[in-house]
Amino acid sequence: MKLSNALYLLPIAFLAAFYFYPLAAILQTSFAAGSGWTEIFTDLYYARVLVFTFVQAALSTLLTLALGLPAAYIFARYDFPGASIMRAITTIPFLMPTIIVATAFSALFGPRGIINLALIDLFHLDAPPIQILNTLWIILLAHTFYNFTVVLRIVGGFWSNLDPQIENAARVLGADRMRTFLHVTLPLIAPALIAAALLVFIFDFTSFGVVLILGGARLATLEVEIYRQTVNLFDLPVAAALSLVQLVCTFALMAIYTRLQAHLAQPLKLRPQAIIKRKPASIAEKIFVWGYLAAMLTFLLTPLISVVVSSLASGTDYYSELFINRRGSITFVPPIDAVKNSLIFASLTVILAVALGLIAAHSLMTDDRRPLTADRTKARRSAVSGLRSIFASILDPLFMLPLGTSAVTLGFGYILTLGNLRTSIWLLPIAHALVAFPFVLRSLLPILRSIQPRLREAAQLLGASPGHVWREIDFPIMMRAVIVGAVFAFTVSMGEFAATTLIARPEMPTIPIAIYRLLGQPGMINLGQALALSTILMVISALAIIAMERFRIGEIGEF
């Protein structure tokens, strides 16, 4: 086997060892003797958990669509100053770690949160007037805050290319604005709308940090219940059965997404965004556009700003406390050590995820780049290209499977299968790389596919070896996409919380684990340290997002 072909097997081997093998172990455990299936089917508690998981995901999705659709329309149809900056700002919550989102809403709406303290001082109250922690309402708000940009980017990006002449024709024929939207615009944007809704639903269905911290034990979802059964009760058969239920639900949702996309996709007349967009002209339009944008920025920025403000409530005292281990225990190291640990794990994750992403992206290329020779006819080349096409059509969705799988489920699978490797420093980077790998791949693949094959062929005809062609042509063109993928991997690793809660070594916590530990301890000092760590992680993530936007090539990329 040639070395290049052997390299192509590395991503497959990585998935086989660290994805399919743990899932197979979960399947085996769930059907083992004394399995948890009997308990799941006989105890109404698990039925309520499953129903609540679907209900909160559905309500969160509806609220996200309701708030995100006007923003999609504004960004699609209007040209206004600062549009690109505002669009980038909407991305910040989505790329923020879920632990930060949960901490932000606690700092804003908690009993000692900014809003309650302000209302107590203003109206001289004895108790916090807003009591929405550990309720469904704060979960819905946090999920909407987190997924707002999904609707804006998917629906708004599609909407901005639709020809407005279609809507104008309906208006000329007598349809009012509402009827035009319901009978003309809505059917046209339906594919993008459904795609966004399903993605948001999947994200909410597998949400962990937000529900665990803001919802409490009373509002457990499948994801939280798997964690509770594994860590608190150590009931592995029940946890395995619940993991399998969640896997089936998630993959069914992904199958529905794929099928709906195929049925709803239709040829449309698309036009450049620059031609379609116009400046808001009338007073009503200006009030609508600028009023909504102001409300949007307030909703998206206030929770994040509240974290920073709360962390500085006592000056820099909370930050000074990060360097102190008041418990004197090896399992409660100074919180600042979590920053060092996260940076080490994130660096290792970047190396693994980018290396695997580069190899996987090249393996998915369906064109045969070797030059024609006397014994290499066009027919043979066409046959080889066809085989590569079939190969790529199988591998492409295969590589995307970790994106639709619960990180808690993966962490539970590692507990069942990896044995001594659980004590290795490499386990966290491996788990993080598995989660980040699809993001890296989708950042690289569009750029790699855009490279003209003639560039490679010209270099090969001039005597360049395949390795030289890759170094001098492919890699320089891909460099910015590689940086974007690396930043994606870095950001994912820094904020990964779900799988990390199950497999992190107690004496080597990451920032999200340290935040969760501190939030679980009483006292303002612990809360202040959690807010200070959250601010540090938020600043690191924000810098990574800025770098990603700086190196992104236009709108190329699939995330």
Protein backbone atom coordinates (compact mmCIF):
# COMPACT_ATOMS: atom_id res chain seq x y z
CA MET A 1 0.00 0.00 0.00
CA LYS A 2 1.35 3.42 -0.91
CA LEU A 3 2.11 5.86 1.90
CA SER A 4 -0.52 8.34 0.62
CA ASN A 5 -3.22 5.66 0.70
CA ALA A 6 -2.14 4.62 4.19
CA LEU A 7 -2.42 8.22 5.36
CA TYR A 8 -5.99 8.38 4.05
CA LEU A 9 -6.85 5.56 6.45
CA LEU A 10 -5.80 7.55 9.53
CA PRO A 11 -9.08 9.52 9.93
CA ILE A 12 -11.05 6.30 9.44
CA ALA A 13 -8.92 4.50 12.03
CA PHE A 14 -9.31 7.44 14.40
CA LEU A 15 -13.11 7.32 14.10
CA ALA A 16 -13.13 3.53 14.45
CA ALA A 17 -11.08 3.62 17.67
CA PHE A 18 -12.52 6.69 19.38
CA TYR A 19 -16.05 6.92 17.99
CA PHE A 20 -17.50 3.65 16.72
CA TYR A 21 -15.81 1.42 19.30
CA PRO A 22 -17.15 3.43 22.29
CA LEU A 23 -20.62 3.53 20.71
CA ALA A 24 -20.52 -0.23 20.16
CA ALA A 25 -19.62 -0.65 23.84
CA ILE A 26 -22.62 1.47 24.81
CA LEU A 27 -24.85 -0.69 22.63
CA GLN A 28 -23.47 -3.87 24.20
CA THR A 29 -23.82 -2.55 27.74
CA SER A 30 -27.39 -1.42 27.16
CA PHE A 31 -28.44 -4.97 26.18
CA ALA A 32 -26.25 -6.81 28.70
CA ALA A 33 -27.73 -9.00 31.39
CA GLY A 34 -29.50 -6.86 33.97
CA SER A 35 -29.70 -3.99 31.51
CA GLY A 36 -31.47 -0.75 32.28
CA TRP A 37 -34.14 -1.17 29.60
CA THR A 38 -36.62 -2.71 32.05
CA GLU A 39 -36.17 0.21 34.44
CA ILE A 40 -36.51 2.76 31.64
CA PHE A 41 -39.74 1.23 30.32
CA THR A 42 -41.33 0.75 33.76
CA ASP A 43 -40.35 4.01 35.47
CA LEU A 44 -42.42 7.01 34.36
CA TYR A 45 -39.57 9.30 35.41
CA TYR A 46 -37.59 8.46 32.28
CA ALA A 47 -40.65 9.03 30.09
CA ARG A 48 -40.97 12.50 31.63
CA VAL A 49 -37.26 13.15 30.97
CA LEU A 50 -37.67 12.18 27.32
CA VAL A 51 -40.82 14.28 26.90
CA PHE A 52 -39.20 17.29 28.58
CA THR A 53 -36.14 16.94 26.35
CA PHE A 54 -38.32 17.20 23.24
CA VAL A 55 -40.57 19.92 24.67
CA GLN A 56 -37.78 22.26 25.77
CA ALA A 57 -35.97 21.75 22.44
CA ALA A 58 -39.16 22.47 20.46
CA LEU A 59 -40.04 25.57 22.49
CA SER A 60 -36.45 26.83 22.31
CA THR A 61 -36.45 26.34 18.54
CA LEU A 62 -39.74 28.20 18.09
CA LEU A 63 -38.54 31.11 20.21
CA THR A 64 -35.23 31.25 18.32
CA LEU A 65 -37.06 31.31 14.99
CA ALA A 66 -39.46 33.99 16.19
CA LEU A 67 -36.63 36.28 17.29
CA GLY A 68 -34.16 35.38 14.55
CA LEU A 69 -36.43 35.66 11.51
CA PRO A 70 -36.83 39.48 11.66
CA ALA A 71 -33.05 39.78 11.98
CA ALA A 72 -32.59 37.51 8.96
CA TYR A 73 -34.94 39.75 6.97
CA ILE A 74 -33.14 42.94 8.03
CA PHE A 75 -29.68 41.63 7.16
CA ALA A 76 -31.00 40.15 3.90
CA ARG A 77 -32.86 43.19 2.56
CA TYR A 78 -31.29 46.30 4.08
CA ASP A 79 -27.91 47.96 3.70
CA PHE A 80 -26.87 49.88 6.82
CA PRO A 81 -23.61 51.01 8.45
CA GLY A 82 -21.89 48.44 10.66
CA ALA A 83 -23.74 45.46 9.19
CA SER A 84 -20.64 43.26 9.00
CA ILE A 85 -19.62 44.13 12.58
CA MET A 86 -23.11 43.42 13.89
CA ARG A 87 -23.20 40.10 12.05
CA ALA A 88 -19.89 39.15 13.67
CA ILE A 89 -21.25 40.14 17.09
CA THR A 90 -24.19 37.76 16.65
CA THR A 91 -21.69 34.93 16.16
CA ILE A 92 -19.97 35.48 19.50
CA PRO A 93 -22.66 33.79 21.67
CA PHE A 94 -22.75 30.70 19.43
CA LEU A 95 -18.99 30.20 19.64
CA MET A 96 -18.89 30.90 23.36
CA PRO A 97 -18.60 27.81 25.57
CA THR A 98 -21.95 26.70 26.99
CA ILE A 99 -20.58 27.06 30.51
CA ILE A 100 -20.07 30.77 29.79
CA VAL A 101 -23.63 31.11 28.51
CA ALA A 102 -24.98 29.48 31.66
CA THR A 103 -22.75 31.60 33.91
CA ALA A 104 -23.75 34.76 32.04
CA PHE A 105 -27.46 34.17 32.58
CA SER A 106 -26.84 33.32 36.22
CA ALA A 107 -24.92 36.58 36.63
CA LEU A 108 -27.75 38.49 34.95
CA PHE A 109 -30.92 36.84 36.32
CA GLY A 110 -29.71 35.05 39.48
CA PRO A 111 -30.76 36.06 43.00
CA ARG A 112 -27.53 38.09 43.26
CA GLY A 113 -27.60 38.98 39.57
CA ILE A 114 -27.31 42.46 38.14
CA ILE A 115 -31.02 42.84 37.31
CA ASN A 116 -32.29 41.64 40.70
CA LEU A 117 -29.80 43.79 42.64
CA ALA A 118 -30.78 46.84 40.59
CA LEU A 119 -34.49 46.22 41.20
CA ILE A 120 -33.94 45.64 44.92
CA ASP A 121 -32.07 48.95 45.24
CA LEU A 122 -34.55 50.81 43.06
CA PHE A 123 -37.74 49.63 44.77
CA HIS A 124 -36.27 48.84 48.24
CA LEU A 125 -37.37 45.21 48.05
CA ASP A 126 -36.58 42.50 50.62
CA ALA A 127 -36.19 39.67 48.10
CA PRO A 128 -35.15 39.29 44.46
CA PRO A 129 -38.25 39.98 42.32
CA ILE A 130 -37.13 37.84 39.36
CA GLN A 131 -36.99 34.14 40.19
CA ILE A 132 -36.41 32.30 36.92
CA LEU A 133 -33.34 30.22 37.79
CA ASN A 134 -34.17 26.49 37.74
CA THR A 135 -37.18 27.16 35.52
CA LEU A 136 -37.96 26.43 31.90
CA TRP A 137 -37.97 30.13 31.03
CA ILE A 138 -34.27 30.73 31.61
CA ILE A 139 -33.40 27.61 29.60
CA LEU A 140 -35.44 28.94 26.67
CA LEU A 141 -33.77 32.36 26.89
CA ALA A 142 -30.28 30.87 27.08
CA HIS A 143 -30.89 28.52 24.13
CA THR A 144 -32.27 31.40 22.05
CA PHE A 145 -29.27 33.54 22.96
CA TYR A 146 -26.91 30.70 22.00
CA ASN A 147 -28.51 29.73 18.67
CA PHE A 148 -29.73 33.12 17.42
CA THR A 149 -26.98 33.39 14.80
CA VAL A 150 -27.85 29.98 13.30
CA VAL A 151 -31.18 31.35 12.06
CA LEU A 152 -29.64 34.67 11.08
CA ARG A 153 -26.85 33.17 8.99
CA ILE A 154 -28.66 30.22 7.37
CA VAL A 155 -32.00 31.91 6.65
CA GLY A 156 -30.57 35.40 6.14
CA GLY A 157 -27.85 34.17 3.81
CA PHE A 158 -30.40 32.33 1.65
CA TRP A 159 -32.96 35.15 1.80
CA SER A 160 -30.42 37.79 0.77
CA ASN A 161 -29.91 36.09 -2.61
CA LEU A 162 -33.60 35.71 -3.50
CA ASP A 163 -34.80 37.95 -6.31
CA PRO A 164 -37.18 40.56 -4.78
CA GLN A 165 -38.98 40.81 -8.14
CA ILE A 166 -40.92 37.66 -7.15
CA GLU A 167 -42.35 39.41 -4.10
CA ASN A 168 -42.93 42.63 -6.05
CA ALA A 169 -44.97 40.70 -8.63
CA ALA A 170 -47.25 39.37 -5.90
CA ARG A 171 -47.73 42.90 -4.53
CA VAL A 172 -48.62 44.21 -8.01
CA LEU A 173 -51.25 41.47 -8.29
CA GLY A 174 -52.94 42.75 -5.13
CA ALA A 175 -51.43 40.71 -2.31
CA ASP A 176 -50.72 42.60 0.91
CA ARG A 177 -47.45 42.19 2.86
CA MET A 178 -48.69 39.37 5.08
CA ARG A 179 -50.19 37.39 2.21
CA THR A 180 -47.06 37.90 0.11
CA PHE A 181 -44.91 36.60 2.95
CA LEU A 182 -47.13 33.58 3.69
CA HIS A 183 -47.76 32.49 0.10
CA VAL A 184 -44.62 33.63 -1.74
CA THR A 185 -41.64 34.37 0.50
CA LEU A 186 -42.19 31.68 3.13
CA PRO A 187 -42.36 28.77 0.62
CA LEU A 188 -39.19 30.06 -1.05
CA ILE A 189 -37.16 30.30 2.14
CA ALA A 190 -38.68 27.08 3.55
CA PRO A 191 -35.57 24.91 2.84
CA ALA A 192 -33.31 27.30 4.72
CA LEU A 193 -35.86 27.81 7.47
CA ILE A 194 -36.32 24.08 8.04
CA ALA A 195 -32.56 23.49 7.92
CA ALA A 196 -32.00 26.17 10.55
CA ALA A 197 -34.87 24.88 12.71
CA LEU A 198 -33.58 21.32 12.67
CA LEU A 199 -30.03 22.38 13.49
CA VAL A 200 -31.25 24.54 16.37
CA PHE A 201 -33.46 21.69 17.59
CA ILE A 202 -30.54 19.24 17.56
CA PHE A 203 -28.33 21.70 19.46
CA ASP A 204 -31.09 22.23 22.05
CA PHE A 205 -31.90 18.52 22.21
CA THR A 206 -28.30 17.69 23.18
CA SER A 207 -27.72 20.79 25.32
CA PHE A 208 -25.82 20.01 28.50
CA GLY A 209 -24.13 22.91 30.30
CA VAL A 210 -27.08 25.29 29.98
CA VAL A 211 -29.61 22.77 31.33
CA LEU A 212 -27.30 21.38 34.02
CA ILE A 213 -26.46 24.78 35.54
CA LEU A 214 -29.61 26.80 34.87
CA GLY A 215 -32.26 24.07 35.03
CA GLY A 216 -31.21 22.12 38.08
CA ALA A 217 -32.00 18.49 38.89
CA ARG A 218 -35.77 18.99 38.53
CA LEU A 219 -35.45 19.87 34.84
CA ALA A 220 -33.21 17.06 33.62
CA THR A 221 -32.92 16.26 29.91
CA LEU A 222 -31.57 13.05 28.42
CA GLU A 223 -28.09 14.57 28.28
CA VAL A 224 -28.15 15.61 31.94
CA GLU A 225 -29.71 12.30 33.02
CA ILE A 226 -26.96 10.32 31.28
CA TYR A 227 -24.41 12.36 33.20
CA ARG A 228 -26.29 11.87 36.50
CA GLN A 229 -26.64 8.11 36.03
CA THR A 230 -22.93 7.82 35.20
CA VAL A 231 -21.30 10.16 37.71
CA ASN A 232 -23.71 10.38 40.64
CA LEU A 233 -25.40 6.96 40.61
CA PHE A 234 -22.86 4.94 38.58
CA ASP A 235 -25.73 3.01 37.00
CA LEU A 236 -23.99 2.19 33.72
CA PRO A 237 -26.74 -0.03 32.21
CA VAL A 238 -29.34 2.74 32.58
CA ALA A 239 -26.87 5.34 31.31
CA ALA A 240 -26.09 3.11 28.31
CA ALA A 241 -29.77 2.61 27.50
CA LEU A 242 -30.44 6.36 27.74
CA SER A 243 -27.41 7.06 25.55
CA LEU A 244 -28.74 4.68 22.92
CA VAL A 245 -32.16 6.36 23.02
CA GLN A 246 -30.51 9.73 22.52
CA LEU A 247 -28.36 8.42 19.64
CA VAL A 248 -31.41 7.03 17.84
CA CYS A 249 -33.30 10.31 18.28
CA THR A 250 -30.37 12.42 17.10
CA PHE A 251 -29.64 10.31 14.04
CA ALA A 252 -33.36 10.24 13.19
CA LEU A 253 -33.38 14.05 13.29
CA MET A 254 -30.36 14.17 11.02
CA ALA A 255 -32.05 11.74 8.60
CA ILE A 256 -35.18 13.92 8.55
CA TYR A 257 -33.00 16.97 7.88
CA THR A 258 -31.33 15.28 4.90
CA ARG A 259 -34.62 14.01 3.45
CA LEU A 260 -36.39 17.35 3.82
CA GLN A 261 -33.51 19.15 2.19
CA ALA A 262 -33.73 16.82 -0.79
CA HIS A 263 -37.50 17.24 -1.17
CA LEU A 264 -37.75 20.96 -0.49
CA ALA A 265 -34.78 22.11 -2.54
CA GLN A 266 -35.95 23.81 -5.74
CA PRO A 267 -34.25 25.83 -8.46
CA LEU A 268 -34.50 29.54 -7.74
CA LYS A 269 -33.38 32.67 -9.47
CA LEU A 270 -30.69 34.07 -7.20
CA ARG A 271 -29.18 37.54 -7.46
CA PRO A 272 -26.10 39.19 -5.92
CA GLN A 273 -26.69 40.63 -2.45
CA ALA A 274 -25.30 44.05 -3.43
CA ILE A 275 -28.11 44.48 -5.99
CA ILE A 276 -30.91 43.40 -3.65
CA LYS A 277 -30.05 45.34 -0.50
CA ARG A 278 -31.22 48.91 -0.03
CA LYS A 279 -31.00 51.53 2.70
CA PRO A 280 -34.05 51.96 4.96
CA ALA A 281 -35.91 54.93 3.48
CA SER A 282 -39.15 55.69 5.32
CA ILE A 283 -39.39 56.60 9.00
CA ALA A 284 -41.24 53.35 9.70
CA GLU A 285 -38.44 51.34 8.09
CA LYS A 286 -35.76 53.19 10.06
CA ILE A 287 -37.63 52.64 13.33
CA PHE A 288 -38.07 48.95 12.52
CA VAL A 289 -34.46 48.35 11.43
CA TRP A 290 -32.62 50.36 14.05
CA GLY A 291 -35.06 49.54 16.84
CA TYR A 292 -34.76 45.82 16.22
CA LEU A 293 -30.97 45.96 15.85
CA ALA A 294 -30.70 47.85 19.15
CA ALA A 295 -32.89 45.23 20.88
CA MET A 296 -30.87 42.42 19.28
CA LEU A 297 -27.52 43.81 20.45
CA THR A 298 -28.93 44.40 23.94
CA PHE A 299 -30.16 40.80 24.13
CA LEU A 300 -26.89 39.31 22.85
CA LEU A 301 -24.37 41.52 24.65
CA THR A 302 -25.98 42.16 28.05
CA PRO A 303 -25.43 38.63 29.46
CA LEU A 304 -21.77 38.66 28.42
CA ILE A 305 -21.17 42.15 29.78
CA SER A 306 -22.83 41.12 33.04
CA VAL A 307 -20.16 38.45 33.55
CA VAL A 308 -17.36 41.00 33.24
CA VAL A 309 -19.11 43.56 35.45
CA SER A 310 -19.90 40.98 38.15
CA SER A 311 -16.33 39.66 38.12
CA LEU A 312 -15.08 43.20 38.92
CA ALA A 313 -17.62 43.85 41.69
CA SER A 314 -14.80 43.68 44.26
CA GLY A 315 -12.12 45.19 42.09
CA THR A 316 -9.50 42.61 41.19
CA ASP A 317 -9.95 40.54 44.37
CA TYR A 318 -11.70 37.69 42.56
CA TYR A 319 -8.85 37.52 40.04
CA SER A 320 -6.27 37.45 42.84
CA GLU A 321 -8.12 34.52 44.41
CA LEU A 322 -7.55 32.48 41.25
CA PHE A 323 -3.92 31.99 42.31
CA ILE A 324 -4.80 30.55 45.72
CA ASN A 325 -5.69 26.96 46.64
CA ARG A 326 -7.64 27.59 49.84
CA ARG A 327 -8.54 23.92 50.26
CA GLY A 328 -4.92 22.76 50.05
CA SER A 329 -6.01 19.70 48.09
CA ILE A 330 -4.46 18.25 44.94
CA THR A 331 -7.95 17.87 43.50
CA PHE A 332 -8.69 21.54 44.14
CA VAL A 333 -5.67 23.15 42.54
CA PRO A 334 -5.47 26.96 42.20
CA PRO A 335 -8.11 27.89 39.60
CA ILE A 336 -5.51 29.64 37.45
CA ASP A 337 -3.97 26.20 36.78
CA ALA A 338 -7.13 25.40 34.82
CA VAL A 339 -6.17 28.12 32.33
CA LYS A 340 -2.77 26.49 31.78
CA ASN A 341 -4.36 23.03 31.45
CA SER A 342 -6.92 24.29 28.92
CA LEU A 343 -4.23 25.95 26.80
CA ILE A 344 -2.16 22.74 26.77
CA PHE A 345 -5.14 20.55 25.85
CA ALA A 346 -6.31 23.05 23.21
CA SER A 347 -2.85 23.12 21.59
CA LEU A 348 -2.75 19.32 21.40
CA THR A 349 -6.31 19.32 20.04
CA VAL A 350 -5.35 21.74 17.26
CA ILE A 351 -2.47 19.49 16.17
CA LEU A 352 -4.66 16.38 16.08
CA ALA A 353 -7.77 17.96 14.52
CA VAL A 354 -5.93 19.91 11.81
CA ALA A 355 -3.75 16.94 10.82
CA LEU A 356 -6.78 14.64 10.58
CA GLY A 357 -8.81 17.36 8.82
CA LEU A 358 -6.14 17.91 6.14
CA ILE A 359 -5.88 14.18 5.44
CA ALA A 360 -9.67 13.72 5.41
CA ALA A 361 -10.21 16.73 3.14
CA HIS A 362 -7.76 15.36 0.57
CA SER A 363 -9.33 11.90 0.76
CA LEU A 364 -12.73 13.42 -0.11
CA MET A 365 -11.49 15.06 -3.30
CA THR A 366 -13.15 13.19 -6.17
CA ASP A 367 -11.03 14.42 -9.05
CA ASP A 368 -7.97 12.37 -10.01
CA ARG A 369 -5.06 14.81 -10.09
CA ARG A 370 -2.39 12.62 -11.62
CA PRO A 371 -1.46 13.62 -15.19
CA LEU A 372 -2.44 11.44 -18.11
CA THR A 373 0.23 9.06 -19.42
CA ALA A 374 0.38 6.57 -22.24
CA ASP A 375 -1.06 3.81 -20.11
CA ARG A 376 -3.51 6.10 -18.37
CA THR A 377 -6.37 6.70 -20.78
CA LYS A 378 -9.25 9.08 -20.26
CA ALA A 379 -11.61 6.14 -19.82
CA ARG A 380 -9.45 4.69 -17.06
CA ARG A 381 -9.15 8.08 -15.44
CA SER A 382 -12.92 8.46 -15.57
CA ALA A 383 -13.38 5.06 -13.91
CA VAL A 384 -10.93 5.94 -11.15
CA SER A 385 -12.68 9.27 -10.62
CA GLY A 386 -16.02 7.44 -10.37
CA LEU A 387 -14.68 5.09 -7.71
CA ARG A 388 -13.27 8.02 -5.77
CA SER A 389 -16.70 9.71 -6.01
CA ILE A 390 -18.42 6.68 -4.47
CA PHE A 391 -15.71 6.49 -1.80
CA ALA A 392 -16.13 10.19 -0.96
CA SER A 393 -19.95 9.96 -0.85
CA ILE A 394 -19.61 7.31 1.87
CA LEU A 395 -16.85 8.98 3.86
CA ASP A 396 -18.25 12.51 3.83
CA PRO A 397 -21.31 11.81 6.04
CA LEU A 398 -19.23 9.33 8.04
CA PHE A 399 -16.79 12.07 9.04
CA MET A 400 -19.70 14.30 10.10
CA LEU A 401 -21.24 11.80 12.55
CA PRO A 402 -19.44 13.16 15.67
CA LEU A 403 -21.13 16.53 15.06
CA GLY A 404 -24.55 14.99 15.70
CA THR A 405 -23.53 12.87 18.67
CA SER A 406 -23.83 13.88 22.29
CA ALA A 407 -20.46 14.69 23.87
CA VAL A 408 -21.72 13.21 27.15
CA THR A 409 -22.49 9.98 25.29
CA LEU A 410 -18.98 9.93 23.85
CA GLY A 411 -17.48 10.54 27.29
CA PHE A 412 -19.56 7.71 28.70
CA GLY A 413 -18.35 5.44 25.90
CA TYR A 414 -14.75 6.24 26.83
CA ILE A 415 -15.45 5.22 30.42
CA LEU A 416 -16.66 1.83 29.17
CA THR A 417 -13.87 1.11 26.69
CA LEU A 418 -10.58 2.92 27.17
CA GLY A 419 -9.49 1.49 30.49
CA ASN A 420 -5.98 2.65 31.40
CA LEU A 421 -6.05 5.32 28.71
CA ARG A 422 -8.50 7.22 30.92
CA THR A 423 -5.55 8.28 33.09
CA SER A 424 -3.54 9.51 30.10
CA ILE A 425 -3.08 13.20 29.40
CA TRP A 426 -3.93 12.44 25.75
CA LEU A 427 -7.53 11.38 26.35
CA LEU A 428 -8.94 14.91 26.60
CA PRO A 429 -7.20 16.14 23.39
CA ILE A 430 -8.44 13.01 21.62
CA ALA A 431 -12.03 13.61 22.75
CA HIS A 432 -11.81 17.31 21.91
CA ALA A 433 -10.27 16.56 18.50
CA LEU A 434 -13.14 14.20 17.73
CA VAL A 435 -15.64 16.98 18.47
CA ALA A 436 -13.61 19.61 16.55
CA PHE A 437 -12.69 17.42 13.57
CA PRO A 438 -15.95 18.04 11.58
CA PHE A 439 -15.56 21.81 11.98
CA VAL A 440 -11.98 21.68 10.70
CA LEU A 441 -12.98 19.46 7.78
CA ARG A 442 -15.82 21.74 6.67
CA SER A 443 -13.50 24.75 6.87
CA LEU A 444 -10.88 23.10 4.63
CA LEU A 445 -12.96 21.20 2.09
CA PRO A 446 -14.57 24.14 0.19
CA ILE A 447 -11.15 25.81 -0.29
CA LEU A 448 -9.51 22.59 -1.42
CA ARG A 449 -12.30 21.97 -3.92
CA SER A 450 -11.91 25.49 -5.30
CA ILE A 451 -8.29 24.96 -6.38
CA GLN A 452 -8.06 24.66 -10.16
CA PRO A 453 -6.75 21.18 -11.15
CA ARG A 454 -4.83 22.80 -14.02
CA LEU A 455 -2.49 24.44 -11.52
CA ARG A 456 -1.45 21.04 -10.23
CA GLU A 457 -1.24 19.54 -13.70
CA ALA A 458 1.02 22.36 -14.91
CA ALA A 459 3.35 21.86 -11.96
CA GLN A 460 3.43 18.09 -12.52
CA LEU A 461 4.23 18.55 -16.22
CA LEU A 462 7.17 20.74 -15.18
CA GLY A 463 8.51 17.85 -13.10
CA ALA A 464 7.20 18.69 -9.62
CA SER A 465 6.58 15.71 -7.33
CA PRO A 466 3.17 15.30 -5.62
CA GLY A 467 4.71 16.43 -2.32
CA HIS A 468 6.23 19.50 -3.97
CA VAL A 469 2.88 20.33 -5.62
CA TRP A 470 1.14 20.12 -2.26
CA ARG A 471 3.73 22.32 -0.53
CA GLU A 472 3.95 24.97 -3.26
CA ILE A 473 0.35 25.10 -4.57
CA ASP A 474 -2.24 23.46 -2.34
CA PHE A 475 -0.99 24.46 1.09
CA PRO A 476 -0.33 28.18 0.36
CA ILE A 477 -3.87 28.50 -1.06
CA MET A 478 -5.31 26.60 1.91
CA MET A 479 -3.26 28.41 4.57
CA ARG A 480 -6.01 30.81 5.66
CA ALA A 481 -8.57 27.99 5.77
CA VAL A 482 -6.12 25.93 7.86
CA ILE A 483 -5.84 28.83 10.31
CA VAL A 484 -9.64 29.13 10.49
CA GLY A 485 -9.91 25.38 11.14
CA ALA A 486 -7.19 25.56 13.78
CA VAL A 487 -8.99 28.42 15.53
CA PHE A 488 -12.23 26.42 15.39
CA ALA A 489 -10.48 23.46 17.02
CA PHE A 490 -8.85 25.71 19.63
CA THR A 491 -12.17 27.37 20.54
CA VAL A 492 -14.03 24.05 20.73
CA SER A 493 -11.37 22.57 23.00
CA MET A 494 -11.19 25.59 25.31
CA GLY A 495 -14.94 25.48 25.93
CA GLU A 496 -15.77 21.76 25.73
CA PHE A 497 -17.65 20.83 28.88
CA ALA A 498 -19.92 17.83 28.35
CA ALA A 499 -17.40 15.05 27.62
CA THR A 500 -14.76 16.68 29.80
CA THR A 501 -16.92 16.35 32.93
CA LEU A 502 -16.71 12.55 32.58
CA ILE A 503 -13.08 12.01 31.60
CA ALA A 504 -11.05 14.91 33.02
CA ARG A 505 -8.52 14.04 35.72
CA PRO A 506 -9.50 15.70 39.03
CA GLU A 507 -6.06 17.26 39.51
CA MET A 508 -6.00 18.64 35.93
CA PRO A 509 -9.30 20.53 35.47
CA THR A 510 -9.98 22.66 32.43
CA ILE A 511 -11.51 26.14 32.68
CA PRO A 512 -15.12 24.91 32.20
CA ILE A 513 -14.64 22.19 34.84
CA ALA A 514 -13.13 24.70 37.30
CA ILE A 515 -16.05 27.08 36.69
CA TYR A 516 -18.57 24.30 37.31
CA ARG A 517 -16.81 23.28 40.53
CA LEU A 518 -16.74 26.85 41.81
CA LEU A 519 -20.41 27.43 40.96
CA GLY A 520 -21.25 24.34 43.02
CA GLN A 521 -19.53 25.74 46.14
CA PRO A 522 -21.24 28.22 48.50
CA GLY A 523 -19.94 31.72 49.14
CA MET A 524 -19.29 34.88 47.17
CA ILE A 525 -15.56 34.13 46.83
CA ASN A 526 -16.30 30.94 44.87
CA LEU A 527 -18.90 32.69 42.73
CA GLY A 528 -16.49 35.56 42.10
CA GLN A 529 -13.73 33.17 41.03
CA ALA A 530 -16.16 31.44 38.66
CA LEU A 531 -17.05 34.81 37.15
CA ALA A 532 -13.36 35.76 36.84
CA LEU A 533 -12.53 32.47 35.11
CA SER A 534 -15.56 32.93 32.86
CA THR A 535 -14.31 36.38 31.88
CA ILE A 536 -10.86 34.98 31.05
CA LEU A 537 -12.38 32.22 28.93
CA MET A 538 -14.72 34.71 27.26
CA VAL A 539 -11.81 37.00 26.35
CA ILE A 540 -9.82 34.08 24.93
CA SER A 541 -12.83 32.90 22.91
CA ALA A 542 -13.54 36.44 21.66
CA LEU A 543 -9.94 36.85 20.47
CA ALA A 544 -10.22 33.49 18.69
CA ILE A 545 -13.46 34.61 16.99
CA ILE A 546 -11.83 37.84 15.84
CA ALA A 547 -8.91 35.85 14.42
CA MET A 548 -11.33 33.50 12.66
CA GLU A 549 -13.19 36.38 11.02
CA ARG A 550 -9.85 37.96 10.07
CA PHE A 551 -8.62 34.89 8.19
CA ARG A 552 -11.95 33.68 6.78
CA ILE A 553 -12.04 33.91 2.97
CA GLY A 554 -15.23 35.84 2.28
CA GLU A 555 -18.23 33.65 3.08
CA ILE A 556 -16.45 30.46 1.99
CA GLY A 557 -16.88 27.65 4.47
CA GLU A 558 -19.74 25.56 5.71
CA PHE A 559 -19.93 26.91 9.28
